[in-house]
Amino acid sequence: MDEYKTDYLEAAAEEAERFREAAMILAERAGISAEEAIYRIQEAVQVIRDEITSIADALTSAVEKFITQVEEVVAQAEPKHRRRKRQRERAALIERRYMVQIRHYERAHPFRRVYKPP
């Protein structure tokens, strides 16, 4: 945990130094005071932060809307008794096909019985 704090503090210090250097360059080129340059940079960063926040909020609301739609679809899904009936019909069809294959094999090879699991 201490390593994370140390890394974070070092990164924050580096960013603060970069902002100070950018403010000094802006102050020299624009012919304004360093305080005013820092203020302008802070305003620009605030605008960027607001835009990123609005994009994140839009994404969050879209994900929440998608989740509610999925929940609605699941709630309207096929009832359990219909699903079980469909599964039983599918199992019966597979069993009929299997029995046909067994009978075909037994007729082709007389005196051989195929083990039929219970």
N, C-alpha and C. Protein backbone atom coordinates (compact mmCIF):
# COMPACT_ATOMS: atom_id res chain seq x y z
N MET A 1 0.82 -1.18 0.00
CA MET A 1 0.00 0.00 0.00
C MET A 1 0.87 1.25 0.00
N ASP A 2 1.96 1.20 0.76
CA ASP A 2 2.86 2.35 0.83
C ASP A 2 3.52 2.60 -0.51
N GLU A 3 3.84 1.52 -1.24
CA GLU A 3 4.44 1.68 -2.57
C GLU A 3 3.48 2.39 -3.51
N TYR A 4 2.18 2.04 -3.41
CA TYR A 4 1.18 2.68 -4.25
C TYR A 4 1.09 4.17 -3.93
N LYS A 5 1.09 4.50 -2.63
CA LYS A 5 1.03 5.91 -2.23
C LYS A 5 2.26 6.65 -2.73
N THR A 6 3.41 6.02 -2.59
CA THR A 6 4.66 6.64 -3.02
C THR A 6 4.64 6.89 -4.53
N ASP A 7 4.22 5.88 -5.30
CA ASP A 7 4.15 6.03 -6.75
C ASP A 7 3.16 7.12 -7.13
N TYR A 8 2.02 7.15 -6.44
CA TYR A 8 1.00 8.17 -6.73
C TYR A 8 1.51 9.56 -6.42
N LEU A 9 2.18 9.71 -5.29
CA LEU A 9 2.71 11.02 -4.92
C LEU A 9 3.80 11.47 -5.88
N GLU A 10 4.63 10.53 -6.32
CA GLU A 10 5.68 10.88 -7.28
C GLU A 10 5.06 11.31 -8.61
N ALA A 11 4.05 10.60 -9.05
CA ALA A 11 3.39 10.95 -10.31
C ALA A 11 2.71 12.31 -10.19
N ALA A 12 2.08 12.57 -9.04
CA ALA A 12 1.42 13.85 -8.83
C ALA A 12 2.44 14.99 -8.82
N ALA A 13 3.58 14.75 -8.20
CA ALA A 13 4.64 15.77 -8.17
C ALA A 13 5.15 16.06 -9.58
N GLU A 14 5.33 15.00 -10.38
CA GLU A 14 5.78 15.19 -11.76
C GLU A 14 4.77 15.98 -12.57
N GLU A 15 3.48 15.67 -12.40
CA GLU A 15 2.44 16.39 -13.13
C GLU A 15 2.39 17.85 -12.68
N ALA A 16 2.54 18.10 -11.39
CA ALA A 16 2.54 19.48 -10.90
C ALA A 16 3.70 20.27 -11.49
N GLU A 17 4.85 19.62 -11.60
CA GLU A 17 6.01 20.28 -12.21
C GLU A 17 5.75 20.58 -13.69
N ARG A 18 5.13 19.65 -14.40
CA ARG A 18 4.81 19.88 -15.81
C ARG A 18 3.84 21.05 -15.97
N PHE A 19 2.82 21.11 -15.09
CA PHE A 19 1.88 22.22 -15.16
C PHE A 19 2.56 23.55 -14.86
N ARG A 20 3.48 23.55 -13.91
CA ARG A 20 4.20 24.79 -13.59
C ARG A 20 5.04 25.23 -14.78
N GLU A 21 5.71 24.27 -15.43
CA GLU A 21 6.51 24.61 -16.61
C GLU A 21 5.62 25.12 -17.74
N ALA A 22 4.46 24.48 -17.93
CA ALA A 22 3.54 24.93 -18.97
C ALA A 22 3.02 26.32 -18.66
N ALA A 23 2.76 26.61 -17.40
CA ALA A 23 2.29 27.94 -17.01
C ALA A 23 3.37 28.99 -17.28
N MET A 24 4.61 28.67 -17.01
CA MET A 24 5.70 29.61 -17.26
C MET A 24 5.87 29.89 -18.75
N ILE A 25 5.76 28.83 -19.57
CA ILE A 25 5.87 29.00 -21.02
C ILE A 25 4.71 29.84 -21.53
N LEU A 26 3.50 29.57 -21.04
CA LEU A 26 2.34 30.35 -21.44
C LEU A 26 2.47 31.80 -21.02
N ALA A 27 2.97 32.02 -19.82
CA ALA A 27 3.15 33.39 -19.32
C ALA A 27 4.16 34.15 -20.17
N GLU A 28 5.25 33.50 -20.56
CA GLU A 28 6.26 34.16 -21.39
C GLU A 28 5.72 34.50 -22.77
N ARG A 29 5.03 33.54 -23.40
CA ARG A 29 4.55 33.75 -24.77
C ARG A 29 3.38 34.73 -24.83
N ALA A 30 2.49 34.68 -23.85
CA ALA A 30 1.30 35.53 -23.88
C ALA A 30 1.54 36.87 -23.22
N GLY A 31 2.61 36.99 -22.48
CA GLY A 31 2.92 38.25 -21.81
C GLY A 31 1.99 38.52 -20.64
N ILE A 32 1.64 37.45 -19.93
CA ILE A 32 0.77 37.60 -18.77
C ILE A 32 1.51 37.12 -17.54
N SER A 33 0.90 37.34 -16.37
CA SER A 33 1.56 36.90 -15.14
C SER A 33 1.44 35.38 -15.00
N ALA A 34 2.30 34.84 -14.17
CA ALA A 34 2.32 33.39 -13.95
C ALA A 34 1.01 32.94 -13.29
N GLU A 35 0.46 33.76 -12.37
CA GLU A 35 -0.78 33.40 -11.71
C GLU A 35 -1.93 33.30 -12.71
N GLU A 36 -1.97 34.24 -13.65
CA GLU A 36 -3.03 34.22 -14.65
C GLU A 36 -2.86 33.02 -15.59
N ALA A 37 -1.63 32.65 -15.92
CA ALA A 37 -1.37 31.48 -16.76
C ALA A 37 -1.82 30.21 -16.04
N ILE A 38 -1.52 30.13 -14.74
CA ILE A 38 -1.94 28.97 -13.96
C ILE A 38 -3.47 28.90 -13.93
N TYR A 39 -4.12 30.06 -13.76
CA TYR A 39 -5.58 30.10 -13.73
C TYR A 39 -6.16 29.61 -15.06
N ARG A 40 -5.58 30.04 -16.17
CA ARG A 40 -6.08 29.62 -17.49
C ARG A 40 -5.89 28.11 -17.70
N ILE A 41 -4.77 27.59 -17.27
CA ILE A 41 -4.52 26.15 -17.39
C ILE A 41 -5.52 25.38 -16.53
N GLN A 42 -5.80 25.88 -15.32
CA GLN A 42 -6.78 25.23 -14.46
C GLN A 42 -8.17 25.22 -15.11
N GLU A 43 -8.52 26.33 -15.74
CA GLU A 43 -9.82 26.39 -16.44
C GLU A 43 -9.88 25.35 -17.56
N ALA A 44 -8.79 25.23 -18.32
CA ALA A 44 -8.75 24.27 -19.42
C ALA A 44 -8.86 22.83 -18.90
N VAL A 45 -8.17 22.55 -17.82
CA VAL A 45 -8.23 21.22 -17.23
C VAL A 45 -9.64 20.94 -16.69
N GLN A 46 -10.28 21.96 -16.12
CA GLN A 46 -11.64 21.80 -15.61
C GLN A 46 -12.61 21.48 -16.74
N VAL A 47 -12.46 22.14 -17.88
CA VAL A 47 -13.33 21.87 -19.03
C VAL A 47 -13.13 20.43 -19.51
N ILE A 48 -11.88 20.01 -19.60
CA ILE A 48 -11.59 18.64 -20.02
C ILE A 48 -12.19 17.65 -19.02
N ARG A 49 -12.03 17.92 -17.72
CA ARG A 49 -12.58 17.04 -16.69
C ARG A 49 -14.11 16.95 -16.79
N ASP A 50 -14.75 18.09 -17.03
CA ASP A 50 -16.21 18.09 -17.16
C ASP A 50 -16.66 17.26 -18.36
N GLU A 51 -15.94 17.37 -19.47
CA GLU A 51 -16.30 16.58 -20.66
C GLU A 51 -16.12 15.09 -20.41
N ILE A 52 -15.02 14.73 -19.78
CA ILE A 52 -14.78 13.31 -19.48
C ILE A 52 -15.84 12.79 -18.52
N THR A 53 -16.22 13.59 -17.54
CA THR A 53 -17.27 13.19 -16.60
C THR A 53 -18.59 12.99 -17.31
N SER A 54 -18.94 13.90 -18.23
CA SER A 54 -20.21 13.76 -18.95
C SER A 54 -20.20 12.52 -19.84
N ILE A 55 -19.06 12.22 -20.46
CA ILE A 55 -18.96 11.01 -21.29
C ILE A 55 -19.10 9.77 -20.41
N ALA A 56 -18.44 9.76 -19.26
CA ALA A 56 -18.54 8.62 -18.35
C ALA A 56 -19.98 8.46 -17.85
N ASP A 57 -20.66 9.56 -17.56
CA ASP A 57 -22.06 9.48 -17.13
C ASP A 57 -22.94 8.92 -18.23
N ALA A 58 -22.69 9.34 -19.47
CA ALA A 58 -23.48 8.83 -20.60
C ALA A 58 -23.26 7.32 -20.76
N LEU A 59 -22.01 6.88 -20.65
CA LEU A 59 -21.72 5.45 -20.75
C LEU A 59 -22.38 4.67 -19.61
N THR A 60 -22.32 5.22 -18.42
CA THR A 60 -22.94 4.56 -17.27
C THR A 60 -24.44 4.42 -17.47
N SER A 61 -25.08 5.48 -17.94
CA SER A 61 -26.53 5.40 -18.15
C SER A 61 -26.87 4.42 -19.26
N ALA A 62 -26.03 4.35 -20.30
CA ALA A 62 -26.27 3.40 -21.39
C ALA A 62 -26.15 1.96 -20.88
N VAL A 63 -25.15 1.70 -20.05
CA VAL A 63 -24.97 0.36 -19.50
C VAL A 63 -26.14 0.00 -18.59
N GLU A 64 -26.58 0.93 -17.77
CA GLU A 64 -27.72 0.68 -16.89
C GLU A 64 -28.99 0.41 -17.70
N LYS A 65 -29.18 1.15 -18.79
CA LYS A 65 -30.33 0.93 -19.66
C LYS A 65 -30.26 -0.46 -20.29
N PHE A 66 -29.08 -0.85 -20.73
CA PHE A 66 -28.90 -2.18 -21.32
C PHE A 66 -29.21 -3.27 -20.30
N ILE A 67 -28.74 -3.09 -19.08
CA ILE A 67 -28.99 -4.08 -18.03
C ILE A 67 -30.48 -4.20 -17.76
N THR A 68 -31.20 -3.09 -17.70
CA THR A 68 -32.64 -3.17 -17.47
C THR A 68 -33.35 -3.84 -18.63
N GLN A 69 -32.90 -3.60 -19.85
CA GLN A 69 -33.50 -4.26 -21.01
C GLN A 69 -33.26 -5.77 -20.95
N VAL A 70 -32.07 -6.18 -20.57
CA VAL A 70 -31.77 -7.61 -20.45
C VAL A 70 -32.63 -8.23 -19.36
N GLU A 71 -32.78 -7.54 -18.24
CA GLU A 71 -33.62 -8.06 -17.16
C GLU A 71 -35.07 -8.21 -17.61
N GLU A 72 -35.56 -7.26 -18.42
CA GLU A 72 -36.93 -7.36 -18.92
C GLU A 72 -37.08 -8.56 -19.86
N VAL A 73 -36.09 -8.75 -20.72
CA VAL A 73 -36.15 -9.88 -21.65
C VAL A 73 -36.12 -11.20 -20.88
N VAL A 74 -35.28 -11.28 -19.88
CA VAL A 74 -35.20 -12.51 -19.08
C VAL A 74 -36.53 -12.75 -18.36
N ALA A 75 -37.14 -11.67 -17.87
CA ALA A 75 -38.42 -11.82 -17.17
C ALA A 75 -39.51 -12.29 -18.11
N GLN A 76 -39.42 -11.89 -19.39
CA GLN A 76 -40.43 -12.29 -20.36
C GLN A 76 -40.05 -13.58 -21.07
N ALA A 77 -39.01 -14.21 -20.61
CA ALA A 77 -38.53 -15.44 -21.27
C ALA A 77 -39.59 -16.53 -21.18
N GLU A 78 -39.32 -17.57 -21.91
CA GLU A 78 -40.23 -18.70 -21.97
C GLU A 78 -40.46 -19.30 -20.58
N PRO A 79 -41.72 -19.59 -20.24
CA PRO A 79 -41.98 -20.18 -18.93
C PRO A 79 -41.27 -21.53 -18.77
N LYS A 80 -41.07 -21.91 -17.53
CA LYS A 80 -40.31 -23.11 -17.23
C LYS A 80 -40.99 -24.37 -17.78
N HIS A 81 -42.32 -24.44 -17.70
CA HIS A 81 -43.00 -25.66 -18.15
C HIS A 81 -42.88 -25.84 -19.66
N ARG A 82 -42.89 -24.74 -20.40
CA ARG A 82 -42.71 -24.85 -21.87
C ARG A 82 -41.30 -25.29 -22.21
N ARG A 83 -40.32 -24.72 -21.49
CA ARG A 83 -38.93 -25.09 -21.74
C ARG A 83 -38.70 -26.56 -21.44
N ARG A 84 -39.26 -27.05 -20.32
CA ARG A 84 -39.10 -28.46 -19.97
C ARG A 84 -39.79 -29.37 -20.99
N LYS A 85 -40.97 -28.97 -21.46
CA LYS A 85 -41.68 -29.76 -22.47
C LYS A 85 -40.84 -29.86 -23.74
N ARG A 86 -40.25 -28.72 -24.16
CA ARG A 86 -39.40 -28.72 -25.35
C ARG A 86 -38.19 -29.62 -25.15
N GLN A 87 -37.60 -29.61 -23.96
CA GLN A 87 -36.45 -30.46 -23.67
C GLN A 87 -36.84 -31.94 -23.68
N ARG A 88 -38.02 -32.25 -23.15
CA ARG A 88 -38.48 -33.65 -23.17
C ARG A 88 -38.71 -34.12 -24.60
N GLU A 89 -39.32 -33.25 -25.43
CA GLU A 89 -39.55 -33.62 -26.83
C GLU A 89 -38.23 -33.84 -27.56
N ARG A 90 -37.27 -33.01 -27.28
CA ARG A 90 -35.95 -33.17 -27.92
C ARG A 90 -35.30 -34.47 -27.47
N ALA A 91 -35.38 -34.78 -26.18
CA ALA A 91 -34.80 -36.02 -25.65
C ALA A 91 -35.48 -37.24 -26.27
N ALA A 92 -36.81 -37.18 -26.43
CA ALA A 92 -37.53 -38.31 -27.05
C ALA A 92 -37.11 -38.49 -28.49
N LEU A 93 -36.93 -37.39 -29.23
CA LEU A 93 -36.48 -37.47 -30.61
C LEU A 93 -35.09 -38.09 -30.70
N ILE A 94 -34.19 -37.68 -29.84
CA ILE A 94 -32.83 -38.25 -29.83
C ILE A 94 -32.89 -39.73 -29.50
N GLU A 95 -33.74 -40.11 -28.54
CA GLU A 95 -33.86 -41.51 -28.17
C GLU A 95 -34.40 -42.35 -29.33
N ARG A 96 -35.39 -41.82 -30.06
CA ARG A 96 -35.93 -42.54 -31.22
C ARG A 96 -34.85 -42.75 -32.28
N ARG A 97 -34.07 -41.70 -32.55
CA ARG A 97 -32.98 -41.84 -33.53
C ARG A 97 -31.97 -42.89 -33.08
N TYR A 98 -31.64 -42.89 -31.80
CA TYR A 98 -30.68 -43.84 -31.25
C TYR A 98 -31.21 -45.26 -31.39
N MET A 99 -32.50 -45.46 -31.10
CA MET A 99 -33.09 -46.80 -31.19
C MET A 99 -33.11 -47.28 -32.65
N VAL A 100 -33.37 -46.37 -33.59
CA VAL A 100 -33.34 -46.75 -35.01
C VAL A 100 -31.95 -47.21 -35.39
N GLN A 101 -30.93 -46.51 -34.95
CA GLN A 101 -29.56 -46.91 -35.26
C GLN A 101 -29.23 -48.27 -34.64
N ILE A 102 -29.70 -48.50 -33.43
CA ILE A 102 -29.45 -49.79 -32.77
C ILE A 102 -30.12 -50.92 -33.55
N ARG A 103 -31.41 -50.73 -33.91
CA ARG A 103 -32.12 -51.78 -34.66
C ARG A 103 -31.43 -52.06 -35.99
N HIS A 104 -31.00 -51.01 -36.66
CA HIS A 104 -30.30 -51.18 -37.94
C HIS A 104 -29.02 -52.00 -37.74
N TYR A 105 -28.26 -51.71 -36.70
CA TYR A 105 -27.02 -52.43 -36.43
C TYR A 105 -27.32 -53.89 -36.08
N GLU A 106 -28.35 -54.11 -35.24
CA GLU A 106 -28.67 -55.48 -34.82
C GLU A 106 -29.15 -56.32 -36.00
N ARG A 107 -29.87 -55.71 -36.95
CA ARG A 107 -30.31 -56.46 -38.13
C ARG A 107 -29.15 -56.76 -39.06
N ALA A 108 -28.19 -55.84 -39.13
CA ALA A 108 -27.03 -56.05 -39.99
C ALA A 108 -26.09 -57.10 -39.39
N HIS A 109 -26.06 -57.22 -38.08
CA HIS A 109 -25.19 -58.16 -37.39
C HIS A 109 -26.05 -59.05 -36.49
N PRO A 110 -26.58 -60.11 -37.02
CA PRO A 110 -27.44 -60.96 -36.18
C PRO A 110 -26.64 -61.58 -35.04
N PHE A 111 -27.34 -61.90 -33.98
CA PHE A 111 -26.79 -62.51 -32.77
C PHE A 111 -25.88 -61.57 -31.98
N ARG A 112 -25.88 -60.31 -32.32
CA ARG A 112 -25.13 -59.33 -31.53
C ARG A 112 -26.14 -58.38 -30.91
N ARG A 113 -26.02 -58.21 -29.63
CA ARG A 113 -26.92 -57.30 -28.94
C ARG A 113 -26.13 -56.06 -28.54
N VAL A 114 -26.75 -54.94 -28.64
CA VAL A 114 -26.12 -53.67 -28.26
C VAL A 114 -26.56 -53.32 -26.85
N TYR A 115 -25.59 -52.97 -26.04
CA TYR A 115 -25.91 -52.58 -24.67
C TYR A 115 -26.72 -51.29 -24.72
N LYS A 116 -27.89 -51.34 -24.09
CA LYS A 116 -28.75 -50.15 -24.02
C LYS A 116 -28.76 -49.67 -22.59
N PRO A 117 -28.18 -48.52 -22.38
CA PRO A 117 -28.15 -48.02 -21.00
C PRO A 117 -29.56 -47.71 -20.50
N PRO A 118 -29.76 -47.80 -19.22
CA PRO A 118 -31.11 -47.57 -18.68
C PRO A 118 -31.57 -46.14 -18.88
